Amino acid sequence: MTLDAVSVLLAAASPVFLLVGALGLVRLPGVFNRMHSTTEATTLGASSALLAAALHFRSGASLTAVLAILFLFATAPVGAHLISRAAFEEDMKPPQNQKIGDS
């Protein structure tokens, strides 16, 4: 498998991860489930797109893409923690015995 094929696979995987994150935001109950879904999916989606760009261009853009991925992996958990802490401070409880799609 060549690097071009790998970059195409990564570029194709990126919107799939982003779509799963968007569906999780719409369908999952509670702020904690939604936060987890969007944080994980968007981190993987953006990282896949950046890796695909780094493999495709194979120049100075590769270093920029790797630095952006490192920045993303460093800041996404911090943002999720701040959201969960704010929800906890507002006494938002995780949903109990609630099925996905129920409001």
PDB file of N, CA and C in Angstrom:
ATOM      1  N   MET A   1       0.845  -1.172   0.000  1.00  0.00           N
ATOM      2  CA  MET A   1       0.000   0.000   0.000  1.00  0.00           C
ATOM      3  C   MET A   1       0.898   1.245   0.000  1.00  0.00           C
ATOM      4  N   THR A   2       0.656   2.115  -0.902  1.00  0.00           N
ATOM      5  CA  THR A   2       1.492   3.299  -0.997  1.00  0.00           C
ATOM      6  C   THR A   2       1.000   4.381  -0.045  1.00  0.00           C
ATOM      7  N   LEU A   3       1.811   5.396   0.111  1.00  0.00           N
ATOM      8  CA  LEU A   3       1.429   6.501   0.981  1.00  0.00           C
ATOM      9  C   LEU A   3       0.226   7.270   0.449  1.00  0.00           C
ATOM     10  N   ASP A   4       0.070   7.284  -0.882  1.00  0.00           N
ATOM     11  CA  ASP A   4      -1.094   7.951  -1.451  1.00  0.00           C
ATOM     12  C   ASP A   4      -2.386   7.228  -1.058  1.00  0.00           C
ATOM     13  N   ALA A   5      -2.349   5.901  -1.062  1.00  0.00           N
ATOM     14  CA  ALA A   5      -3.531   5.133  -0.678  1.00  0.00           C
ATOM     15  C   ALA A   5      -3.855   5.333   0.796  1.00  0.00           C
ATOM     16  N   VAL A   6      -2.827   5.403   1.609  1.00  0.00           N
ATOM     17  CA  VAL A   6      -3.045   5.637   3.043  1.00  0.00           C
ATOM     18  C   VAL A   6      -3.641   7.022   3.268  1.00  0.00           C
ATOM     19  N   SER A   7      -3.143   8.007   2.530  1.00  0.00           N
ATOM     20  CA  SER A   7      -3.683   9.355   2.693  1.00  0.00           C
ATOM     21  C   SER A   7      -5.131   9.429   2.219  1.00  0.00           C
ATOM     22  N   VAL A   8      -5.482   8.687   1.187  1.00  0.00           N
ATOM     23  CA  VAL A   8      -6.877   8.655   0.739  1.00  0.00           C
ATOM     24  C   VAL A   8      -7.760   7.996   1.795  1.00  0.00           C
ATOM     25  N   LEU A   9      -7.294   6.918   2.396  1.00  0.00           N
ATOM     26  CA  LEU A   9      -8.073   6.254   3.448  1.00  0.00           C
ATOM     27  C   LEU A   9      -8.266   7.156   4.666  1.00  0.00           C
ATOM     28  N   LEU A  10      -7.220   7.861   5.036  1.00  0.00           N
ATOM     29  CA  LEU A  10      -7.342   8.794   6.160  1.00  0.00           C
ATOM     30  C   LEU A  10      -8.280   9.950   5.829  1.00  0.00           C
ATOM     31  N   ALA A  11      -8.197  10.438   4.606  1.00  0.00           N
ATOM     32  CA  ALA A  11      -9.089  11.522   4.195  1.00  0.00           C
ATOM     33  C   ALA A  11     -10.536  11.056   4.135  1.00  0.00           C
ATOM     34  N   ALA A  12     -10.750   9.797   3.794  1.00  0.00           N
ATOM     35  CA  ALA A  12     -12.111   9.253   3.767  1.00  0.00           C
ATOM     36  C   ALA A  12     -12.625   8.956   5.169  1.00  0.00           C
ATOM     37  N   ALA A  13     -11.739   8.624   6.090  1.00  0.00           N
ATOM     38  CA  ALA A  13     -12.154   8.312   7.459  1.00  0.00           C
ATOM     39  C   ALA A  13     -12.517   9.572   8.242  1.00  0.00           C
ATOM     40  N   SER A  14     -11.927  10.683   7.882  1.00  0.00           N
ATOM     41  CA  SER A  14     -12.148  11.922   8.617  1.00  0.00           C
ATOM     42  C   SER A  14     -13.615  12.348   8.661  1.00  0.00           C
ATOM     43  N   PRO A  15     -14.329  12.418   7.544  1.00  0.00           N
ATOM     44  CA  PRO A  15     -15.738  12.818   7.642  1.00  0.00           C
ATOM     45  C   PRO A  15     -16.601  11.793   8.355  1.00  0.00           C
ATOM     46  N   VAL A  16     -16.187  10.535   8.324  1.00  0.00           N
ATOM     47  CA  VAL A  16     -16.948   9.509   9.049  1.00  0.00           C
ATOM     48  C   VAL A  16     -16.883   9.783  10.551  1.00  0.00           C
ATOM     49  N   PHE A  17     -15.696  10.060  11.058  1.00  0.00           N
ATOM     50  CA  PHE A  17     -15.558  10.384  12.475  1.00  0.00           C
ATOM     51  C   PHE A  17     -16.340  11.649  12.826  1.00  0.00           C
ATOM     52  N   LEU A  18     -16.266  12.648  11.971  1.00  0.00           N
ATOM     53  CA  LEU A  18     -16.981  13.890  12.239  1.00  0.00           C
ATOM     54  C   LEU A  18     -18.496  13.688  12.203  1.00  0.00           C
ATOM     55  N   LEU A  19     -18.982  12.828  11.307  1.00  0.00           N
ATOM     56  CA  LEU A  19     -20.412  12.532  11.248  1.00  0.00           C
ATOM     57  C   LEU A  19     -20.865  11.791  12.504  1.00  0.00           C
ATOM     58  N   VAL A  20     -20.072  10.851  12.977  1.00  0.00           N
ATOM     59  CA  VAL A  20     -20.409  10.130  14.207  1.00  0.00           C
ATOM     60  C   VAL A  20     -20.465  11.101  15.386  1.00  0.00           C
ATOM     61  N   GLY A  21     -19.553  12.043  15.443  1.00  0.00           N
ATOM     62  CA  GLY A  21     -19.579  13.045  16.509  1.00  0.00           C
ATOM     63  C   GLY A  21     -20.814  13.919  16.441  1.00  0.00           C
ATOM     64  N   ALA A  22     -21.199  14.303  15.233  1.00  0.00           N
ATOM     65  CA  ALA A  22     -22.402  15.122  15.080  1.00  0.00           C
ATOM     66  C   ALA A  22     -23.654  14.340  15.458  1.00  0.00           C
ATOM     67  N   LEU A  23     -23.726  13.077  15.063  1.00  0.00           N
ATOM     68  CA  LEU A  23     -24.869  12.242  15.445  1.00  0.00           C
ATOM     69  C   LEU A  23     -24.913  12.034  16.956  1.00  0.00           C
ATOM     70  N   GLY A  24     -23.755  11.870  17.575  1.00  0.00           N
ATOM     71  CA  GLY A  24     -23.708  11.735  19.027  1.00  0.00           C
ATOM     72  C   GLY A  24     -24.195  12.980  19.729  1.00  0.00           C
ATOM     73  N   LEU A  25     -23.883  14.130  19.177  1.00  0.00           N
ATOM     74  CA  LEU A  25     -24.346  15.392  19.754  1.00  0.00           C
ATOM     75  C   LEU A  25     -25.860  15.500  19.694  1.00  0.00           C
ATOM     76  N   VAL A  26     -26.443  15.018  18.624  1.00  0.00           N
ATOM     77  CA  VAL A  26     -27.888  15.117  18.447  1.00  0.00           C
ATOM     78  C   VAL A  26     -28.631  14.016  19.217  1.00  0.00           C
ATOM     79  N   ARG A  27     -28.097  12.800  19.217  1.00  0.00           N
ATOM     80  CA  ARG A  27     -28.848  11.654  19.715  1.00  0.00           C
ATOM     81  C   ARG A  27     -28.604  11.280  21.174  1.00  0.00           C
ATOM     82  N   LEU A  28     -27.440  11.545  21.701  1.00  0.00           N
ATOM     83  CA  LEU A  28     -27.132  11.068  23.050  1.00  0.00           C
ATOM     84  C   LEU A  28     -27.784  11.936  24.122  1.00  0.00           C
ATOM     85  N   PRO A  29     -28.211  11.306  25.228  1.00  0.00           N
ATOM     86  CA  PRO A  29     -28.824  12.073  26.317  1.00  0.00           C
ATOM     87  C   PRO A  29     -27.760  12.648  27.246  1.00  0.00           C
ATOM     88  N   GLY A  30     -27.997  13.824  27.734  1.00  0.00           N
ATOM     89  CA  GLY A  30     -27.138  14.402  28.767  1.00  0.00           C
ATOM     90  C   GLY A  30     -25.887  15.063  28.236  1.00  0.00           C
ATOM     91  N   VAL A  31     -25.437  16.051  28.974  1.00  0.00           N
ATOM     92  CA  VAL A  31     -24.275  16.834  28.564  1.00  0.00           C
ATOM     93  C   VAL A  31     -22.996  16.008  28.609  1.00  0.00           C
ATOM     94  N   PHE A  32     -22.892  15.074  29.537  1.00  0.00           N
ATOM     95  CA  PHE A  32     -21.657  14.303  29.677  1.00  0.00           C
ATOM     96  C   PHE A  32     -21.460  13.347  28.503  1.00  0.00           C
ATOM     97  N   ASN A  33     -22.536  12.680  28.076  1.00  0.00           N
ATOM     98  CA  ASN A  33     -22.441  11.786  26.919  1.00  0.00           C
ATOM     99  C   ASN A  33     -22.162  12.575  25.646  1.00  0.00           C
ATOM    100  N   ARG A  34     -22.816  13.688  25.487  1.00  0.00           N
ATOM    101  CA  ARG A  34     -22.617  14.508  24.294  1.00  0.00           C
ATOM    102  C   ARG A  34     -21.202  15.066  24.237  1.00  0.00           C
ATOM    103  N   MET A  35     -20.706  15.482  25.377  1.00  0.00           N
ATOM    104  CA  MET A  35     -19.359  16.032  25.441  1.00  0.00           C
ATOM    105  C   MET A  35     -18.333  14.974  25.041  1.00  0.00           C
ATOM    106  N   HIS A  36     -18.495  13.773  25.544  1.00  0.00           N
ATOM    107  CA  HIS A  36     -17.552  12.706  25.233  1.00  0.00           C
ATOM    108  C   HIS A  36     -17.592  12.362  23.744  1.00  0.00           C
ATOM    109  N   SER A  37     -18.787  12.256  23.216  1.00  0.00           N
ATOM    110  CA  SER A  37     -18.938  11.897  21.806  1.00  0.00           C
ATOM    111  C   SER A  37     -18.289  12.932  20.891  1.00  0.00           C
ATOM    112  N   THR A  38     -18.575  14.181  21.125  1.00  0.00           N
ATOM    113  CA  THR A  38     -18.033  15.209  20.235  1.00  0.00           C
ATOM    114  C   THR A  38     -16.532  15.385  20.395  1.00  0.00           C
ATOM    115  N   THR A  39     -16.036  15.285  21.616  1.00  0.00           N
ATOM    116  CA  THR A  39     -14.594  15.459  21.833  1.00  0.00           C
ATOM    117  C   THR A  39     -13.795  14.349  21.167  1.00  0.00           C
ATOM    118  N   GLU A  40     -14.199  13.110  21.374  1.00  0.00           N
ATOM    119  CA  GLU A  40     -13.450  11.995  20.803  1.00  0.00           C
ATOM    120  C   GLU A  40     -13.560  11.968  19.279  1.00  0.00           C
ATOM    121  N   ALA A  41     -14.758  12.154  18.771  1.00  0.00           N
ATOM    122  CA  ALA A  41     -14.953  12.049  17.326  1.00  0.00           C
ATOM    123  C   ALA A  41     -14.272  13.186  16.575  1.00  0.00           C
ATOM    124  N   THR A  42     -14.361  14.390  17.090  1.00  0.00           N
ATOM    125  CA  THR A  42     -13.732  15.502  16.376  1.00  0.00           C
ATOM    126  C   THR A  42     -12.210  15.438  16.470  1.00  0.00           C
ATOM    127  N   THR A  43     -11.690  14.933  17.573  1.00  0.00           N
ATOM    128  CA  THR A  43     -10.240  14.769  17.682  1.00  0.00           C
ATOM    129  C   THR A  43      -9.747  13.764  16.652  1.00  0.00           C
ATOM    130  N   LEU A  44     -10.437  12.635  16.538  1.00  0.00           N
ATOM    131  CA  LEU A  44     -10.036  11.630  15.552  1.00  0.00           C
ATOM    132  C   LEU A  44     -10.266  12.123  14.122  1.00  0.00           C
ATOM    133  N   GLY A  45     -11.371  12.837  13.898  1.00  0.00           N
ATOM    134  CA  GLY A  45     -11.658  13.336  12.555  1.00  0.00           C
ATOM    135  C   GLY A  45     -10.646  14.372  12.091  1.00  0.00           C
ATOM    136  N   ALA A  46     -10.343  15.312  12.943  1.00  0.00           N
ATOM    137  CA  ALA A  46      -9.375  16.338  12.573  1.00  0.00           C
ATOM    138  C   ALA A  46      -7.973  15.748  12.429  1.00  0.00           C
ATOM    139  N   SER A  47      -7.621  14.819  13.294  1.00  0.00           N
ATOM    140  CA  SER A  47      -6.301  14.188  13.201  1.00  0.00           C
ATOM    141  C   SER A  47      -6.165  13.382  11.921  1.00  0.00           C
ATOM    142  N   SER A  48      -7.230  12.700  11.527  1.00  0.00           N
ATOM    143  CA  SER A  48      -7.191  11.942  10.274  1.00  0.00           C
ATOM    144  C   SER A  48      -6.990  12.874   9.080  1.00  0.00           C
ATOM    145  N   ALA A  49      -7.688  13.985   9.070  1.00  0.00           N
ATOM    146  CA  ALA A  49      -7.542  14.933   7.964  1.00  0.00           C
ATOM    147  C   ALA A  49      -6.141  15.534   7.942  1.00  0.00           C
ATOM    148  N   LEU A  50      -5.611  15.873   9.097  1.00  0.00           N
ATOM    149  CA  LEU A  50      -4.263  16.453   9.147  1.00  0.00           C
ATOM    150  C   LEU A  50      -3.195  15.437   8.744  1.00  0.00           C
ATOM    151  N   LEU A  51      -3.350  14.195   9.176  1.00  0.00           N
ATOM    152  CA  LEU A  51      -2.397  13.159   8.767  1.00  0.00           C
ATOM    153  C   LEU A  51      -2.471  12.908   7.262  1.00  0.00           C
ATOM    154  N   ALA A  52      -3.683  12.920   6.715  1.00  0.00           N
ATOM    155  CA  ALA A  52      -3.833  12.743   5.265  1.00  0.00           C
ATOM    156  C   ALA A  52      -3.132  13.872   4.519  1.00  0.00           C
ATOM    157  N   ALA A  53      -3.283  15.093   5.005  1.00  0.00           N
ATOM    158  CA  ALA A  53      -2.604  16.226   4.362  1.00  0.00           C
ATOM    159  C   ALA A  53      -1.092  16.099   4.489  1.00  0.00           C
ATOM    160  N   ALA A  54      -0.614  15.663   5.654  1.00  0.00           N
ATOM    161  CA  ALA A  54       0.830  15.513   5.855  1.00  0.00           C
ATOM    162  C   ALA A  54       1.406  14.448   4.922  1.00  0.00           C
ATOM    163  N   LEU A  55       0.691  13.347   4.746  1.00  0.00           N
ATOM    164  CA  LEU A  55       1.179  12.290   3.851  1.00  0.00           C
ATOM    165  C   LEU A  55       1.088  12.700   2.386  1.00  0.00           C
ATOM    166  N   HIS A  56       0.074  13.470   2.054  1.00  0.00           N
ATOM    167  CA  HIS A  56      -0.102  13.858   0.652  1.00  0.00           C
ATOM    168  C   HIS A  56       0.935  14.893   0.214  1.00  0.00           C
ATOM    169  N   PHE A  57       1.185  15.894   1.024  1.00  0.00           N
ATOM    170  CA  PHE A  57       2.078  16.971   0.614  1.00  0.00           C
ATOM    171  C   PHE A  57       3.544  16.681   0.911  1.00  0.00           C
ATOM    172  N   ARG A  58       3.850  15.907   1.941  1.00  0.00           N
ATOM    173  CA  ARG A  58       5.208  15.460   2.263  1.00  0.00           C
ATOM    174  C   ARG A  58       6.264  16.567   2.221  1.00  0.00           C
ATOM    175  N   SER A  59       5.951  17.693   2.785  1.00  0.00           N
ATOM    176  CA  SER A  59       6.938  18.789   2.795  1.00  0.00           C
ATOM    177  C   SER A  59       6.888  19.455   4.163  1.00  0.00           C
ATOM    178  N   GLY A  60       7.101  20.738   4.189  1.00  0.00           N
ATOM    179  CA  GLY A  60       7.035  21.481   5.441  1.00  0.00           C
ATOM    180  C   GLY A  60       5.659  21.442   6.065  1.00  0.00           C
ATOM    181  N   ALA A  61       4.643  21.130   5.284  1.00  0.00           N
ATOM    182  CA  ALA A  61       3.286  21.017   5.812  1.00  0.00           C
ATOM    183  C   ALA A  61       3.169  19.839   6.780  1.00  0.00           C
ATOM    184  N   SER A  62       4.038  18.863   6.632  1.00  0.00           N
ATOM    185  CA  SER A  62       3.991  17.698   7.517  1.00  0.00           C
ATOM    186  C   SER A  62       4.292  18.094   8.954  1.00  0.00           C
ATOM    187  N   LEU A  63       5.285  18.924   9.149  1.00  0.00           N
ATOM    188  CA  LEU A  63       5.619  19.381  10.498  1.00  0.00           C
ATOM    189  C   LEU A  63       4.482  20.206  11.081  1.00  0.00           C
ATOM    190  N   THR A  64       3.872  21.040  10.272  1.00  0.00           N
ATOM    191  CA  THR A  64       2.745  21.852  10.729  1.00  0.00           C
ATOM    192  C   THR A  64       1.572  20.965  11.125  1.00  0.00           C
ATOM    193  N   ALA A  65       1.304  19.935  10.331  1.00  0.00           N
ATOM    194  CA  ALA A  65       0.199  19.022  10.632  1.00  0.00           C
ATOM    195  C   ALA A  65       0.457  18.252  11.927  1.00  0.00           C
ATOM    196  N   VAL A  66       1.673  17.796  12.113  1.00  0.00           N
ATOM    197  CA  VAL A  66       1.995  17.058  13.339  1.00  0.00           C
ATOM    198  C   VAL A  66       1.883  17.965  14.558  1.00  0.00           C
ATOM    199  N   LEU A  67       2.338  19.196  14.442  1.00  0.00           N
ATOM    200  CA  LEU A  67       2.210  20.144  15.551  1.00  0.00           C
ATOM    201  C   LEU A  67       0.737  20.463  15.842  1.00  0.00           C
ATOM    202  N   ALA A  68      -0.069  20.571  14.792  1.00  0.00           N
ATOM    203  CA  ALA A  68      -1.502  20.817  14.991  1.00  0.00           C
ATOM    204  C   ALA A  68      -2.167  19.631  15.679  1.00  0.00           C
ATOM    205  N   ILE A  69      -1.774  18.418  15.324  1.00  0.00           N
ATOM    206  CA  ILE A  69      -2.326  17.223  15.971  1.00  0.00           C
ATOM    207  C   ILE A  69      -1.930  17.199  17.449  1.00  0.00           C
ATOM    208  N   LEU A  70      -0.681  17.506  17.742  1.00  0.00           N
ATOM    209  CA  LEU A  70      -0.242  17.541  19.140  1.00  0.00           C
ATOM    210  C   LEU A  70      -1.003  18.605  19.926  1.00  0.00           C
ATOM    211  N   PHE A  71      -1.213  19.763  19.320  1.00  0.00           N
ATOM    212  CA  PHE A  71      -1.985  20.826  19.970  1.00  0.00           C
ATOM    213  C   PHE A  71      -3.423  20.374  20.208  1.00  0.00           C
ATOM    214  N   LEU A  72      -4.000  19.700  19.231  1.00  0.00           N
ATOM    215  CA  LEU A  72      -5.373  19.212  19.353  1.00  0.00           C
ATOM    216  C   LEU A  72      -5.492  18.188  20.477  1.00  0.00           C
ATOM    217  N   PHE A  73      -4.558  17.258  20.538  1.00  0.00           N
ATOM    218  CA  PHE A  73      -4.599  16.235  21.584  1.00  0.00           C
ATOM    219  C   PHE A  73      -4.304  16.819  22.967  1.00  0.00           C
ATOM    220  N   ALA A  74      -3.649  17.963  23.022  1.00  0.00           N
ATOM    221  CA  ALA A  74      -3.384  18.603  24.312  1.00  0.00           C
ATOM    222  C   ALA A  74      -4.551  19.461  24.778  1.00  0.00           C
ATOM    223  N   THR A  75      -5.275  20.070  23.844  1.00  0.00           N
ATOM    224  CA  THR A  75      -6.321  21.010  24.246  1.00  0.00           C
ATOM    225  C   THR A  75      -7.721  20.409  24.307  1.00  0.00           C
ATOM    226  N   ALA A  76      -8.011  19.378  23.538  1.00  0.00           N
ATOM    227  CA  ALA A  76      -9.356  18.783  23.548  1.00  0.00           C
ATOM    228  C   ALA A  76      -9.738  18.221  24.926  1.00  0.00           C
ATOM    229  N   PRO A  77      -8.867  17.496  25.606  1.00  0.00           N
ATOM    230  CA  PRO A  77      -9.239  17.018  26.945  1.00  0.00           C
ATOM    231  C   PRO A  77      -9.444  18.157  27.947  1.00  0.00           C
ATOM    232  N   VAL A  78      -8.687  19.225  27.794  1.00  0.00           N
ATOM    233  CA  VAL A  78      -8.846  20.367  28.700  1.00  0.00           C
ATOM    234  C   VAL A  78     -10.216  21.010  28.495  1.00  0.00           C
ATOM    235  N   GLY A  79     -10.605  21.182  27.245  1.00  0.00           N
ATOM    236  CA  GLY A  79     -11.920  21.739  26.954  1.00  0.00           C
ATOM    237  C   GLY A  79     -13.040  20.846  27.464  1.00  0.00           C
ATOM    238  N   ALA A  80     -12.904  19.544  27.279  1.00  0.00           N
ATOM    239  CA  ALA A  80     -13.917  18.610  27.776  1.00  0.00           C
ATOM    240  C   ALA A  80     -13.995  18.642  29.296  1.00  0.00           C
ATOM    241  N   HIS A  81     -12.848  18.761  29.941  1.00  0.00           N
ATOM    242  CA  HIS A  81     -12.840  18.835  31.399  1.00  0.00           C
ATOM    243  C   HIS A  81     -13.543  20.104  31.878  1.00  0.00           C
ATOM    244  N   LEU A  82     -13.303  21.216  31.212  1.00  0.00           N
ATOM    245  CA  LEU A  82     -13.955  22.467  31.604  1.00  0.00           C
ATOM    246  C   LEU A  82     -15.466  22.398  31.410  1.00  0.00           C
ATOM    247  N   ILE A  83     -15.909  21.779  30.331  1.00  0.00           N
ATOM    248  CA  ILE A  83     -17.344  21.620  30.106  1.00  0.00           C
ATOM    249  C   ILE A  83     -17.961  20.720  31.168  1.00  0.00           C
ATOM    250  N   SER A  84     -17.307  19.611  31.478  1.00  0.00           N
ATOM    251  CA  SER A  84     -17.860  18.698  32.486  1.00  0.00           C
ATOM    252  C   SER A  84     -17.847  19.328  33.872  1.00  0.00           C
ATOM    253  N   ARG A  85     -16.826  20.107  34.159  1.00  0.00           N
ATOM    254  CA  ARG A  85     -16.788  20.773  35.462  1.00  0.00           C
ATOM    255  C   ARG A  85     -17.890  21.825  35.581  1.00  0.00           C
ATOM    256  N   ALA A  86     -18.135  22.567  34.515  1.00  0.00           N
ATOM    257  CA  ALA A  86     -19.215  23.550  34.530  1.00  0.00           C
ATOM    258  C   ALA A  86     -20.569  22.862  34.686  1.00  0.00           C
ATOM    259  N   ALA A  87     -20.754  21.722  34.014  1.00  0.00           N
ATOM    260  CA  ALA A  87     -22.011  20.981  34.148  1.00  0.00           C
ATOM    261  C   ALA A  87     -22.163  20.439  35.567  1.00  0.00           C
ATOM    262  N   PHE A  88     -21.072  19.989  36.152  1.00  0.00           N
ATOM    263  CA  PHE A  88     -21.124  19.477  37.519  1.00  0.00           C
ATOM    264  C   PHE A  88     -21.438  20.595  38.505  1.00  0.00           C
ATOM    265  N   GLU A  89     -20.849  21.759  38.293  1.00  0.00           N
ATOM    266  CA  GLU A  89     -21.102  22.900  39.177  1.00  0.00           C
ATOM    267  C   GLU A  89     -22.556  23.375  39.093  1.00  0.00           C
ATOM    268  N   GLU A  90     -23.188  23.158  37.946  1.00  0.00           N
ATOM    269  CA  GLU A  90     -24.596  23.528  37.771  1.00  0.00           C
ATOM    270  C   GLU A  90     -25.528  22.399  38.219  1.00  0.00           C
ATOM    271  N   ASP A  91     -24.988  21.386  38.884  1.00  0.00           N
ATOM    272  CA  ASP A  91     -25.735  20.223  39.389  1.00  0.00           C
ATOM    273  C   ASP A  91     -26.462  19.456  38.295  1.00  0.00           C
ATOM    274  N   MET A  92     -25.858  19.380  37.128  1.00  0.00           N
ATOM    275  CA  MET A  92     -26.423  18.542  36.069  1.00  0.00           C
ATOM    276  C   MET A  92     -25.996  17.118  36.343  1.00  0.00           C
ATOM    277  N   LYS A  93     -26.960  16.224  36.407  1.00  0.00           N
ATOM    278  CA  LYS A  93     -26.674  14.819  36.687  1.00  0.00           C
ATOM    279  C   LYS A  93     -26.693  14.027  35.384  1.00  0.00           C
ATOM    280  N   PRO A  94     -25.880  12.977  35.318  1.00  0.00           N
ATOM    281  CA  PRO A  94     -25.960  12.102  34.144  1.00  0.00           C
ATOM    282  C   PRO A  94     -27.332  11.430  34.103  1.00  0.00           C
ATOM    283  N   PRO A  95     -27.876  11.203  32.914  1.00  0.00           N
ATOM    284  CA  PRO A  95     -29.200  10.563  32.830  1.00  0.00           C
ATOM    285  C   PRO A  95     -29.147   9.131  33.347  1.00  0.00           C
ATOM    286  N   GLN A  96     -30.167   8.745  34.094  1.00  0.00           N
ATOM    287  CA  GLN A  96     -30.249   7.418  34.669  1.00  0.00           C
ATOM    288  C   GLN A  96     -31.297   6.605  33.918  1.00  0.00           C
ATOM    289  N   ASN A  97     -30.930   5.437  33.480  1.00  0.00           N
ATOM    290  CA  ASN A  97     -31.849   4.497  32.814  1.00  0.00           C
ATOM    291  C   ASN A  97     -32.612   5.148  31.675  1.00  0.00           C
ATOM    292  N   GLN A  98     -31.909   5.917  30.888  1.00  0.00           N
ATOM    293  CA  GLN A  98     -32.546   6.586  29.765  1.00  0.00           C
ATOM    294  C   GLN A  98     -31.975   5.989  28.476  1.00  0.00           C
ATOM    295  N   LYS A  99     -32.868   5.652  27.558  1.00  0.00           N
ATOM    296  CA  LYS A  99     -32.438   5.083  26.304  1.00  0.00           C
ATOM    297  C   LYS A  99     -32.007   6.175  25.338  1.00  0.00           C
ATOM    298  N   ILE A 100     -31.152   5.829  24.418  1.00  0.00           N
ATOM    299  CA  ILE A 100     -30.688   6.788  23.426  1.00  0.00           C
ATOM    300  C   ILE A 100     -31.868   7.212  22.563  1.00  0.00           C
ATOM    301  N   GLY A 101     -32.031   8.500  22.403  1.00  0.00           N
ATOM    302  CA  GLY A 101     -33.115   9.038  21.599  1.00  0.00           C
ATOM    303  C   GLY A 101     -34.280   9.529  22.427  1.00  0.00           C
ATOM    304  N   ASP A 102     -34.383   9.114  23.707  1.00  0.00           N
ATOM    305  CA  ASP A 102     -35.436   9.612  24.588  1.00  0.00           C
ATOM    306  C   ASP A 102     -35.028  10.965  25.131  1.00  0.00           C
ATOM    307  N   SER A 103     -35.995  11.851  25.294  1.00  0.00           N
ATOM    308  CA  SER A 103     -35.677  13.164  25.837  1.00  0.00           C
ATOM    309  C   SER A 103     -36.313  13.353  27.185  1.00  0.00           C
TER     310      SER A 103
END
